[in-house]
C-alpha atoms as a PDB file:
ATOM      1  CA  MET A   1     -13.333  29.146  28.092  1.00  0.00           C
ATOM      2  CA  VAL A   2      -9.697  30.038  28.031  1.00  0.00           C
ATOM      3  CA  ILE A   3      -8.038  32.326  30.533  1.00  0.00           C
ATOM      4  CA  LYS A   4      -5.448  34.514  28.816  1.00  0.00           C
ATOM      5  CA  VAL A   5      -2.676  36.098  30.845  1.00  0.00           C
ATOM      6  CA  PHE A   6      -0.798  38.814  29.000  1.00  0.00           C
ATOM      7  CA  VAL A   7       2.798  38.959  30.187  1.00  0.00           C
ATOM      8  CA  ALA A   8       6.109  40.441  29.091  1.00  0.00           C
ATOM      9  CA  ASN A   9       8.655  37.634  29.050  1.00  0.00           C
ATOM     10  CA  VAL A  10      11.389  40.253  28.654  1.00  0.00           C
ATOM     11  CA  ALA A  11      10.165  42.579  31.406  1.00  0.00           C
ATOM     12  CA  GLY A  12      12.702  45.108  32.613  1.00  0.00           C
ATOM     13  CA  SER A  13      10.947  45.697  35.919  1.00  0.00           C
ATOM     14  CA  THR A  14      11.408  43.220  38.767  1.00  0.00           C
ATOM     15  CA  ALA A  15       8.018  44.261  40.165  1.00  0.00           C
ATOM     16  CA  ILE A  16       6.294  43.327  36.881  1.00  0.00           C
ATOM     17  CA  LYS A  17       8.166  40.002  36.730  1.00  0.00           C
ATOM     18  CA  LYS A  18       7.117  39.164  40.297  1.00  0.00           C
ATOM     19  CA  LYS A  19       3.461  40.016  39.616  1.00  0.00           C
ATOM     20  CA  GLN A  20       3.491  37.881  36.468  1.00  0.00           C
ATOM     21  CA  GLN A  21       5.068  34.979  38.361  1.00  0.00           C
ATOM     22  CA  ASP A  22       2.475  35.303  41.146  1.00  0.00           C
ATOM     23  CA  VAL A  23      -0.446  35.103  38.690  1.00  0.00           C
ATOM     24  CA  VAL A  24       0.997  32.274  36.583  1.00  0.00           C
ATOM     25  CA  GLY A  25       2.157  30.321  39.651  1.00  0.00           C
ATOM     26  CA  PHE A  26      -1.241  30.587  41.317  1.00  0.00           C
ATOM     27  CA  LEU A  27      -3.084  29.433  38.184  1.00  0.00           C
ATOM     28  CA  GLU A  28      -0.695  26.496  37.738  1.00  0.00           C
ATOM     29  CA  ALA A  29      -0.896  25.486  41.409  1.00  0.00           C
ATOM     30  CA  ASN A  30      -4.690  25.506  41.270  1.00  0.00           C
ATOM     31  CA  ARG A  31      -4.790  23.693  37.925  1.00  0.00           C
ATOM     32  CA  ILE A  32      -6.672  26.481  36.211  1.00  0.00           C
ATOM     33  CA  ASP A  33      -6.156  26.232  32.446  1.00  0.00           C
ATOM     34  CA  PHE A  34      -4.677  29.362  30.910  1.00  0.00           C
ATOM     35  CA  GLU A  35      -2.549  30.639  28.054  1.00  0.00           C
ATOM     36  CA  GLU A  36       0.333  33.041  28.444  1.00  0.00           C
ATOM     37  CA  ARG A  37       0.422  35.709  25.758  1.00  0.00           C
ATOM     38  CA  ASP A  38       3.757  37.484  25.441  1.00  0.00           C
ATOM     39  CA  ILE A  39       3.455  41.183  24.628  1.00  0.00           C
ATOM     40  CA  ALA A  40       7.198  41.842  24.534  1.00  0.00           C
ATOM     41  CA  CYS A  41       7.931  39.683  21.500  1.00  0.00           C
ATOM     42  CA  ASN A  42       4.552  39.726  19.783  1.00  0.00           C
ATOM     43  CA  GLU A  43       3.156  43.024  18.505  1.00  0.00           C
ATOM     44  CA  ASP A  44      -0.294  41.496  17.814  1.00  0.00           C
ATOM     45  CA  ASN A  45      -0.618  40.378  21.450  1.00  0.00           C
ATOM     46  CA  ARG A  46       0.499  43.805  22.693  1.00  0.00           C
ATOM     47  CA  LYS A  47      -1.978  45.621  20.448  1.00  0.00           C
ATOM     48  CA  TRP A  48      -4.853  43.267  21.341  1.00  0.00           C
ATOM     49  CA  MET A  49      -4.211  43.672  25.072  1.00  0.00           C
ATOM     50  CA  ARG A  50      -3.988  47.457  24.870  1.00  0.00           C
ATOM     51  CA  ASP A  51      -7.124  47.690  22.734  1.00  0.00           C
ATOM     52  CA  ASN A  52      -9.178  45.426  25.012  1.00  0.00           C
ATOM     53  CA  VAL A  53      -8.371  46.768  28.473  1.00  0.00           C
ATOM     54  CA  PRO A  54     -11.358  49.029  29.286  1.00  0.00           C
ATOM     55  CA  GLY A  55     -10.633  52.769  29.313  1.00  0.00           C
ATOM     56  CA  GLU A  56     -11.417  53.186  33.008  1.00  0.00           C
ATOM     57  CA  LYS A  57      -8.879  50.454  33.852  1.00  0.00           C
ATOM     58  CA  LYS A  58      -6.007  52.024  31.898  1.00  0.00           C
ATOM     59  CA  PRO A  59      -3.416  54.140  33.719  1.00  0.00           C
ATOM     60  CA  GLN A  60      -3.200  57.855  33.011  1.00  0.00           C
ATOM     61  CA  ASN A  61      -0.619  57.328  30.277  1.00  0.00           C
ATOM     62  CA  GLY A  62      -3.101  54.986  28.549  1.00  0.00           C
ATOM     63  CA  ILE A  63      -0.715  52.025  28.374  1.00  0.00           C
ATOM     64  CA  PRO A  64      -1.702  49.104  30.645  1.00  0.00           C
ATOM     65  CA  LEU A  65       1.174  47.076  32.055  1.00  0.00           C
ATOM     66  CA  PRO A  66       1.264  43.300  32.356  1.00  0.00           C
ATOM     67  CA  PRO A  67      -0.045  41.116  33.741  1.00  0.00           C
ATOM     68  CA  GLN A  68      -3.532  41.659  32.340  1.00  0.00           C
ATOM     69  CA  ILE A  69      -6.052  38.833  32.597  1.00  0.00           C
ATOM     70  CA  PHE A  70      -8.909  37.943  30.240  1.00  0.00           C
ATOM     71  CA  ASN A  71     -11.428  35.125  29.955  1.00  0.00           C
ATOM     72  CA  GLU A  72     -11.556  34.737  26.165  1.00  0.00           C
ATOM     73  CA  GLU A  73     -12.440  38.304  25.077  1.00  0.00           C
ATOM     74  CA  GLN A  74     -13.858  39.347  28.483  1.00  0.00           C
ATOM     75  CA  TYR A  75     -11.567  41.527  30.602  1.00  0.00           C
ATOM     76  CA  CYS A  76     -11.086  40.162  34.133  1.00  0.00           C
ATOM     77  CA  GLY A  77      -8.555  42.611  35.534  1.00  0.00           C
ATOM     78  CA  ASP A  78      -4.966  43.474  36.315  1.00  0.00           C
ATOM     79  CA  PHE A  79      -2.677  42.166  39.047  1.00  0.00           C
ATOM     80  CA  ASP A  80      -4.256  44.282  41.812  1.00  0.00           C
ATOM     81  CA  SER A  81      -7.744  43.000  40.956  1.00  0.00           C
ATOM     82  CA  PHE A  82      -6.416  39.446  40.773  1.00  0.00           C
ATOM     83  CA  PHE A  83      -4.709  39.816  44.150  1.00  0.00           C
ATOM     84  CA  ASP A  84      -7.889  41.180  45.777  1.00  0.00           C
ATOM     85  CA  ALA A  85      -9.959  38.306  44.356  1.00  0.00           C
ATOM     86  CA  LYS A  86      -7.387  35.761  45.529  1.00  0.00           C
ATOM     87  CA  GLU A  87      -7.296  37.219  49.036  1.00  0.00           C
ATOM     88  CA  GLY A  88     -11.101  37.310  49.170  1.00  0.00           C
ATOM     89  CA  ASN A  89     -11.385  33.689  47.975  1.00  0.00           C
ATOM     90  CA  GLU A  90     -13.306  34.889  44.927  1.00  0.00           C
ATOM     91  CA  ILE A  91     -10.833  33.913  42.227  1.00  0.00           C
ATOM     92  CA  TYR A  92     -13.261  31.772  40.216  1.00  0.00           C
ATOM     93  CA  SER A  93     -15.815  34.584  40.120  1.00  0.00           C
ATOM     94  CA  PHE A  94     -13.061  37.015  39.122  1.00  0.00           C
ATOM     95  CA  LEU A  95     -12.011  34.740  36.267  1.00  0.00           C
ATOM     96  CA  GLY A  96     -15.609  34.101  35.191  1.00  0.00           C
ATOM     97  CA  LEU A  97     -15.289  30.377  35.889  1.00  0.00           C
ATOM     98  CA  ALA A  98     -17.520  27.938  37.708  1.00  0.00           C
ATOM     99  CA  PRO A  99     -15.986  27.286  41.136  1.00  0.00           C
ATOM    100  CA  HIS A 100     -14.376  23.919  41.808  1.00  0.00           C
ATOM    101  CA  LEU A 101     -15.749  21.770  44.610  1.00  0.00           C
ATOM    102  CA  GLY A 102     -13.931  22.436  47.839  1.00  0.00           C
ATOM    103  CA  THR A 103     -13.344  26.147  47.224  1.00  0.00           C
ATOM    104  CA  LYS A 104     -14.863  28.895  49.293  1.00  0.00           C
ATOM    105  CA  ASP A 105     -16.272  30.431  46.094  1.00  0.00           C
ATOM    106  CA  ILE A 106     -18.737  27.541  45.864  1.00  0.00           C
ATOM    107  CA  SER A 107     -20.291  28.296  49.258  1.00  0.00           C
ATOM    108  CA  ARG A 108     -21.659  31.545  47.862  1.00  0.00           C
ATOM    109  CA  SER A 109     -23.866  29.784  45.319  1.00  0.00           C
ATOM    110  CA  PRO A 110     -27.500  29.504  46.488  1.00  0.00           C
ATOM    111  CA  LEU A 111     -28.067  26.557  44.119  1.00  0.00           C
ATOM    112  CA  ILE A 112     -25.251  24.620  45.749  1.00  0.00           C
ATOM    113  CA  GLU A 113     -26.431  25.538  49.264  1.00  0.00           C
ATOM    114  CA  ASP A 114     -29.983  24.319  48.475  1.00  0.00           C
ATOM    115  CA  SER A 115     -28.582  21.111  47.030  1.00  0.00           C
ATOM    116  CA  VAL A 116     -26.426  20.470  50.096  1.00  0.00           C
ATOM    117  CA  VAL A 117     -29.401  21.028  52.433  1.00  0.00           C
ATOM    118  CA  ALA A 118     -31.657  18.768  50.345  1.00  0.00           C
ATOM    119  CA  ASN A 119     -29.055  15.980  50.320  1.00  0.00           C
ATOM    120  CA  SER A 120     -28.043  16.350  53.959  1.00  0.00           C
ATOM    121  CA  THR A 121     -27.864  13.153  56.017  1.00  0.00           C
ATOM    122  CA  GLU A 122     -28.538  15.020  59.248  1.00  0.00           C
ATOM    123  CA  PRO A 123     -32.036  14.636  60.744  1.00  0.00           C
ATOM    124  CA  ALA A 124     -34.483  17.401  60.013  1.00  0.00           C
ATOM    125  CA  GLU A 125     -35.163  19.872  62.805  1.00  0.00           C
ATOM    126  CA  GLY A 126     -37.626  18.571  65.403  1.00  0.00           C
ATOM    127  CA  HIS A 127     -36.928  14.905  64.562  1.00  0.00           C
ATOM    128  CA  GLU A 128     -33.794  14.395  66.634  1.00  0.00           C
ATOM    129  CA  GLY A 129     -33.936  11.354  68.909  1.00  0.00           C
ATOM    130  CA  GLU A 130     -37.107   9.983  67.295  1.00  0.00           C
ATOM    131  CA  GLU A 131     -36.973   6.343  66.345  1.00  0.00           C
ATOM    132  CA  GLN A 132     -37.995   5.292  62.875  1.00  0.00           C
ATOM    133  CA  ASP A 133     -40.488   2.459  62.324  1.00  0.00           C
ATOM    134  CA  SER A 134     -39.087  -0.447  60.344  1.00  0.00           C
END
């Protein structure tokens, strides 16, 4: 799966540039593979992004601003959604990716929790202090 971040490399707004840098910087720092898709210099990218942002996520003028984030063809969200997921330690879920070991996202998986309990080296409840026969 490829994360696609739609950006405007020739953005006139400093706020848009900062949001784009925040998303790209975070993905790079966390070694999450992604592709940047420039909508300023590529009409096909701009049209694809605008056509694939869901209607309820578009602003009133109907033109979504970058950055917009997709996992392949699946819409993930805009900067505000990304920021909320990052702050809530749910970025892998937001991106539709399996969480990496060591992230807080992984602690929410019941399969992982069961596996950790089953492989625990701590004594089972009620067996503390008991000696084992050799």
